[in-house]
Amino acid sequence: MNVLGVDIGGTKIRMGVINEEGTVLYDERVPTQLPLYPYLEEQVLRILKLHPEVEAIGIGTHGFVDPVNGRIIYATETLPGWTGTEVKQQLEQATGKRVEVENDANCASLVEAKLGAAKGKNRVVTLTLGTGLGGGIIWDGKILSGGPHGGAAEVGHMILYPGGALCTCGRHGCFEQYVSGTGLRRRIAEAGVDLSPDELFKKAATDPAAKQLVTEFTYDLAVVISTLQAAFDMETAVIGGGVSDSAEYWWDELISQLEPLLLHPLEVKKAQFGNDAGILGAALLVIEQ
């Protein structure tokens, strides 16, 4: 079975034809354009003409998703007009093929549990540290998602510091505002340090101001992981997303901060699939079922 995996982001859409072994047979990126749905349909139909052997379509997307009906319940202004879109219904009608839709962080967690860093584990929490903080929960081998508002496993919007930094969700102090690329840039600006996040991590070994910021970041990430352990008692926590690309500079500090906070020993691993997680996880929405 060949599946078209689609990963929808705020700046680009990645599409890959993937077989049952998880091999990417075709891979393409196009810039995200608005209005999003008609553009998505146009791109999918174009790929299907190039690859008529594709039997089904899996889509991972930013936002709160109703996975049963394949509907976008809520998306921020990262994807204007995407809220309310009946993706599954419209795309199945347009293509005549089965379509499954999920939150992108859930897709990333699925592929890491089935094929990647947590392969073979039944309870996995994956954190994607990018511009924001995405979270995916694998519970007894299946994605924990949905809910009446599509908000299950939106760990980025759990509160870390009540009354803290304003979040895009309209509340204050969410995990996302401290453990993400956005959170790092805010910390840097508030400290008056003239460094990018990548530079911050590299200079932490020799620059006291940088070291302090990295210590605060890793401590907050440790608190996030230990809090999620109390809720889900996962076998493995997987850390992915763009911020994890610099993990060689802060991983040991994270583990040191985390160990005294844990209720039980916990395996913590870096994500294996990186930027490929989106399309692979989207394809697994279909392949795994």
Protein backbone atom coordinates (compact mmCIF):
# COMPACT_ATOMS: atom_id res chain seq x y z
CA MET A 1 0.00 0.00 0.00
CA ASN A 2 1.31 3.45 -0.96
CA VAL A 3 0.00 6.46 0.95
CA LEU A 4 0.32 10.19 0.41
CA GLY A 5 1.50 11.77 3.67
CA VAL A 6 0.89 15.53 3.93
CA ASP A 7 2.43 17.79 6.59
CA ILE A 8 0.79 21.24 6.69
CA GLY A 9 2.71 24.07 8.30
CA GLY A 10 2.42 27.83 8.40
CA THR A 11 5.05 28.42 5.72
CA LYS A 12 5.22 25.18 3.75
CA ILE A 13 3.34 22.00 2.91
CA ARG A 14 5.36 18.83 2.55
CA MET A 15 3.99 15.87 0.64
CA GLY A 16 5.47 12.39 0.41
CA VAL A 17 4.47 9.10 -1.15
CA ILE A 18 5.27 6.44 1.44
CA ASN A 19 5.01 2.67 1.42
CA GLU A 20 4.07 0.29 4.24
CA GLU A 21 7.70 -0.06 5.36
CA GLY A 22 7.92 3.70 5.93
CA THR A 23 10.13 4.34 2.89
CA VAL A 24 9.66 7.75 1.27
CA LEU A 25 9.29 7.09 -2.46
CA TYR A 26 8.58 10.69 -3.47
CA ASP A 27 9.05 13.92 -1.55
CA GLU A 28 8.02 17.49 -2.41
CA ARG A 29 7.64 20.82 -0.62
CA VAL A 30 5.45 23.71 -1.73
CA PRO A 31 4.89 27.06 0.00
CA THR A 32 1.69 27.38 2.02
CA GLN A 33 -0.81 29.58 0.20
CA LEU A 34 -4.17 31.01 1.20
CA PRO A 35 -7.02 30.23 1.10
CA LEU A 36 -5.59 26.95 2.25
CA TYR A 37 -8.19 24.28 1.45
CA PRO A 38 -8.58 24.87 -2.31
CA TYR A 39 -4.81 25.14 -2.63
CA LEU A 40 -4.34 21.89 -0.68
CA GLU A 41 -6.86 20.09 -2.87
CA GLU A 42 -5.13 21.36 -6.02
CA GLN A 43 -1.73 20.13 -4.80
CA VAL A 44 -3.05 16.73 -3.70
CA LEU A 45 -4.81 16.14 -7.03
CA ARG A 46 -1.60 17.06 -8.85
CA ILE A 47 0.43 14.54 -6.84
CA LEU A 48 -2.19 11.84 -7.38
CA LYS A 49 -1.89 12.32 -11.15
CA LEU A 50 1.85 11.80 -10.85
CA HIS A 51 1.38 8.80 -8.54
CA PRO A 52 -1.87 7.01 -9.39
CA GLU A 53 -0.77 4.04 -7.26
CA VAL A 54 -1.53 6.03 -4.07
CA GLU A 55 -4.45 4.37 -2.27
CA ALA A 56 -5.11 6.78 0.61
CA ILE A 57 -4.10 10.13 2.12
CA GLY A 58 -2.95 11.02 5.63
CA ILE A 59 -2.77 14.65 6.74
CA GLY A 60 -1.01 16.15 9.74
CA THR A 61 -1.78 19.76 10.50
CA HIS A 62 -1.37 22.53 13.02
CA GLY A 63 -4.45 23.10 15.17
CA PHE A 64 -7.11 21.33 17.20
CA VAL A 65 -8.45 18.45 15.12
CA ASP A 66 -11.52 16.20 15.31
CA PRO A 67 -9.82 13.05 13.96
CA VAL A 68 -13.05 11.06 13.61
CA ASN A 69 -14.62 13.53 11.20
CA GLY A 70 -11.38 15.02 9.91
CA ARG A 71 -12.42 18.55 10.79
CA ILE A 72 -10.26 21.45 11.96
CA ILE A 73 -11.92 22.63 15.16
CA TYR A 74 -9.51 25.49 15.80
CA ALA A 75 -6.32 26.84 14.26
CA THR A 76 -4.51 30.04 15.20
CA GLU A 77 -3.68 32.81 12.75
CA THR A 78 -0.69 30.75 11.70
CA LEU A 79 -3.23 29.28 9.24
CA PRO A 80 -5.90 31.96 8.69
CA GLY A 81 -9.29 30.58 7.67
CA TRP A 82 -8.39 26.97 8.48
CA THR A 83 -10.70 26.78 11.52
CA GLY A 84 -13.86 24.86 10.69
CA THR A 85 -12.57 23.27 7.48
CA GLU A 86 -14.08 19.82 6.79
CA VAL A 87 -10.83 18.45 5.38
CA LYS A 88 -11.69 14.74 5.34
CA GLN A 89 -15.13 15.16 3.82
CA GLN A 90 -14.06 17.60 1.12
CA LEU A 91 -10.86 15.83 0.16
CA GLU A 92 -12.46 12.37 0.03
CA GLN A 93 -15.11 13.79 -2.27
CA ALA A 94 -12.49 15.42 -4.49
CA THR A 95 -10.13 12.43 -4.70
CA GLY A 96 -12.32 9.37 -4.18
CA LYS A 97 -9.76 8.08 -1.70
CA ARG A 98 -9.75 7.52 2.03
CA VAL A 99 -8.45 10.51 4.02
CA GLU A 100 -7.36 10.66 7.67
CA VAL A 101 -6.54 13.91 9.48
CA GLU A 102 -4.66 14.49 12.76
CA ASN A 103 -2.74 17.11 14.67
CA ASP A 104 0.87 17.29 13.45
CA ALA A 105 2.45 16.65 16.87
CA ASN A 106 0.30 13.52 17.23
CA CYS A 107 1.63 12.36 13.86
CA ALA A 108 5.20 12.90 15.06
CA SER A 109 4.52 10.91 18.21
CA LEU A 110 2.98 8.07 16.21
CA VAL A 111 6.01 7.61 13.96
CA GLU A 112 8.47 7.77 16.85
CA ALA A 113 6.49 5.10 18.74
CA LYS A 114 6.05 2.81 15.75
CA LEU A 115 9.33 3.23 13.87
CA GLY A 116 11.63 5.59 15.74
CA ALA A 117 13.14 6.50 19.12
CA ALA A 118 10.37 4.77 21.14
CA LYS A 119 9.79 1.83 18.81
CA GLY A 120 7.92 -0.97 20.54
CA LYS A 121 6.78 1.15 23.48
CA ASN A 122 3.06 1.41 24.24
CA ARG A 123 3.03 4.64 26.25
CA VAL A 124 5.01 7.51 24.80
CA VAL A 125 4.99 11.27 25.16
CA THR A 126 6.59 13.24 22.33
CA LEU A 127 7.38 16.93 22.70
CA THR A 128 8.14 18.95 19.57
CA LEU A 129 10.09 22.07 20.49
CA GLY A 130 9.72 24.37 17.51
CA THR A 131 8.28 27.85 17.17
CA GLY A 132 5.71 26.61 19.68
CA LEU A 133 5.47 23.45 21.78
CA GLY A 134 3.60 20.50 20.33
CA GLY A 135 2.75 17.35 22.24
CA GLY A 136 1.67 13.91 21.17
CA ILE A 137 0.58 11.05 23.46
CA ILE A 138 0.63 7.38 22.50
CA TRP A 139 -1.60 5.50 24.94
CA ASP A 140 -1.57 1.71 24.73
CA GLY A 141 -0.20 1.94 21.21
CA LYS A 142 -2.74 4.44 19.90
CA ILE A 143 -2.86 8.22 19.56
CA LEU A 144 -4.63 9.94 22.44
CA SER A 145 -6.47 12.70 20.63
CA GLY A 146 -9.79 14.30 19.83
CA GLY A 147 -12.07 15.24 22.71
CA PRO A 148 -15.17 17.44 22.40
CA HIS A 149 -13.02 20.41 21.38
CA GLY A 150 -10.19 18.57 19.62
CA GLY A 151 -7.83 19.68 22.36
CA ALA A 152 -6.62 16.40 23.88
CA ALA A 153 -2.82 16.27 24.34
CA GLU A 154 -2.39 20.02 23.73
CA VAL A 155 0.37 19.98 26.31
CA GLY A 156 1.80 23.28 25.10
CA HIS A 157 -1.20 25.00 26.66
CA MET A 158 -0.88 23.55 30.13
CA ILE A 159 0.07 26.26 32.64
CA LEU A 160 3.65 26.36 33.89
CA TYR A 161 3.72 29.85 35.45
CA PRO A 162 0.27 31.22 36.41
CA GLY A 163 0.05 34.85 35.36
CA GLY A 164 3.20 34.50 33.27
CA ALA A 165 3.96 35.36 29.65
CA LEU A 166 0.97 35.91 27.35
CA CYS A 167 0.34 32.93 25.07
CA THR A 168 -1.20 32.86 21.58
CA CYS A 169 -4.16 31.01 23.13
CA GLY A 170 -4.98 34.17 25.11
CA ARG A 171 -3.98 32.83 28.51
CA HIS A 172 -0.83 33.47 30.52
CA GLY A 173 2.04 31.22 31.51
CA CYS A 174 1.57 28.23 29.17
CA PHE A 175 4.33 25.64 28.76
CA GLU A 176 4.75 26.87 25.16
CA GLN A 177 5.86 30.34 26.26
CA TYR A 178 8.87 28.90 28.11
CA VAL A 179 9.81 25.68 26.33
CA SER A 180 9.94 26.59 22.63
CA GLY A 181 11.85 28.70 20.14
CA THR A 182 9.49 31.58 20.85
CA GLY A 183 10.05 31.19 24.58
CA LEU A 184 13.82 31.16 24.13
CA ARG A 185 13.77 34.33 22.05
CA ARG A 186 11.63 36.06 24.69
CA ARG A 187 13.97 35.00 27.48
CA ILE A 188 16.96 36.29 25.49
CA ALA A 189 15.30 39.63 24.78
CA GLU A 190 14.25 40.11 28.40
CA ALA A 191 17.80 39.37 29.56
CA GLY A 192 19.22 41.90 27.11
CA VAL A 193 21.53 39.30 25.59
CA ASP A 194 22.41 39.79 21.92
CA LEU A 195 22.33 36.13 20.84
CA SER A 196 20.17 33.84 18.72
CA PRO A 197 18.89 30.65 20.40
CA ASP A 198 21.54 28.57 18.59
CA GLU A 199 24.29 30.95 19.69
CA LEU A 200 22.92 30.92 23.22
CA PHE A 201 23.38 27.17 23.58
CA LYS A 202 26.85 27.21 22.03
CA LYS A 203 28.10 30.00 24.31
CA ALA A 204 26.62 28.64 27.54
CA ALA A 205 29.87 26.85 28.38
CA THR A 206 31.83 30.13 28.53
CA ASP A 207 29.28 32.95 28.94
CA PRO A 208 27.65 33.21 32.42
CA ALA A 209 24.57 35.06 31.12
CA ALA A 210 24.00 32.43 28.43
CA LYS A 211 24.55 29.63 30.94
CA GLN A 212 21.90 31.08 33.25
CA LEU A 213 19.33 31.24 30.46
CA VAL A 214 20.07 27.67 29.39
CA THR A 215 19.79 26.50 33.01
CA GLU A 216 16.36 28.17 33.28
CA PHE A 217 15.23 26.64 29.96
CA THR A 218 16.33 23.10 30.86
CA TYR A 219 14.78 23.36 34.31
CA ASP A 220 11.43 24.39 32.83
CA LEU A 221 11.64 21.56 30.30
CA ALA A 222 12.42 19.15 33.13
CA VAL A 223 9.36 20.37 35.05
CA VAL A 224 7.22 19.88 31.92
CA ILE A 225 8.46 16.31 31.44
CA SER A 226 8.03 15.36 35.10
CA THR A 227 4.53 16.86 35.16
CA LEU A 228 3.55 14.83 32.10
CA GLN A 229 4.99 11.72 33.74
CA ALA A 230 2.64 12.26 36.68
CA ALA A 231 -0.28 12.42 34.24
CA PHE A 232 0.62 9.67 31.77
CA ASP A 233 3.29 7.45 33.38
CA MET A 234 4.90 7.00 29.97
CA GLU A 235 7.67 4.52 29.24
CA THR A 236 9.56 6.97 27.05
CA ALA A 237 9.64 10.74 26.52
CA VAL A 238 10.82 11.78 23.06
CA ILE A 239 12.12 15.29 22.39
CA GLY A 240 11.95 16.61 18.83
CA GLY A 241 11.41 19.82 16.89
CA GLY A 242 13.88 22.43 15.70
CA VAL A 243 15.16 23.37 19.17
CA SER A 244 16.26 19.76 19.68
CA ASP A 245 18.77 20.15 16.83
CA SER A 246 21.02 21.87 19.39
CA ALA A 247 20.47 19.20 22.06
CA GLU A 248 24.16 18.26 22.14
CA TYR A 249 24.73 21.53 24.02
CA TRP A 250 21.99 21.18 26.65
CA TRP A 251 21.00 17.49 26.88
CA ASP A 252 23.21 16.60 29.85
CA GLU A 253 21.95 19.67 31.71
CA LEU A 254 18.35 18.60 31.06
CA ILE A 255 18.92 15.07 32.37
CA SER A 256 20.67 16.45 35.45
CA GLN A 257 17.74 18.80 36.17
CA LEU A 258 15.15 16.10 35.43
CA GLU A 259 16.33 13.19 37.55
CA PRO A 260 15.42 14.64 40.98
CA LEU A 261 11.97 15.64 39.69
CA LEU A 262 10.90 12.22 38.41
CA LEU A 263 8.44 9.97 40.23
CA HIS A 264 9.96 6.90 38.56
CA PRO A 265 12.91 6.26 36.24
CA LEU A 266 12.14 7.44 32.71
CA GLU A 267 13.76 6.86 29.34
CA VAL A 268 14.26 10.23 27.59
CA LYS A 269 15.39 10.16 23.97
CA LYS A 270 15.91 12.55 21.09
CA ALA A 271 13.48 12.10 18.19
CA GLN A 272 14.83 9.97 15.36
CA PHE A 273 12.94 11.26 12.35
CA GLY A 274 13.36 15.02 12.67
CA ASN A 275 11.76 16.87 9.76
CA ASP A 276 10.50 13.61 8.23
CA ALA A 277 8.22 12.89 11.20
CA GLY A 278 5.31 14.91 9.80
CA ILE A 279 4.83 13.11 6.50
CA LEU A 280 5.72 9.68 7.91
CA GLY A 281 3.34 10.05 10.83
CA ALA A 282 0.58 11.31 8.54
CA ALA A 283 1.02 8.26 6.33
CA LEU A 284 0.90 5.96 9.38
CA LEU A 285 -2.56 7.33 10.22
CA VAL A 286 -3.72 5.16 7.34
CA ILE A 287 -1.13 2.37 7.31
CA GLU A 288 -1.52 1.57 11.01
CA GLN A 289 -5.29 1.20 10.67
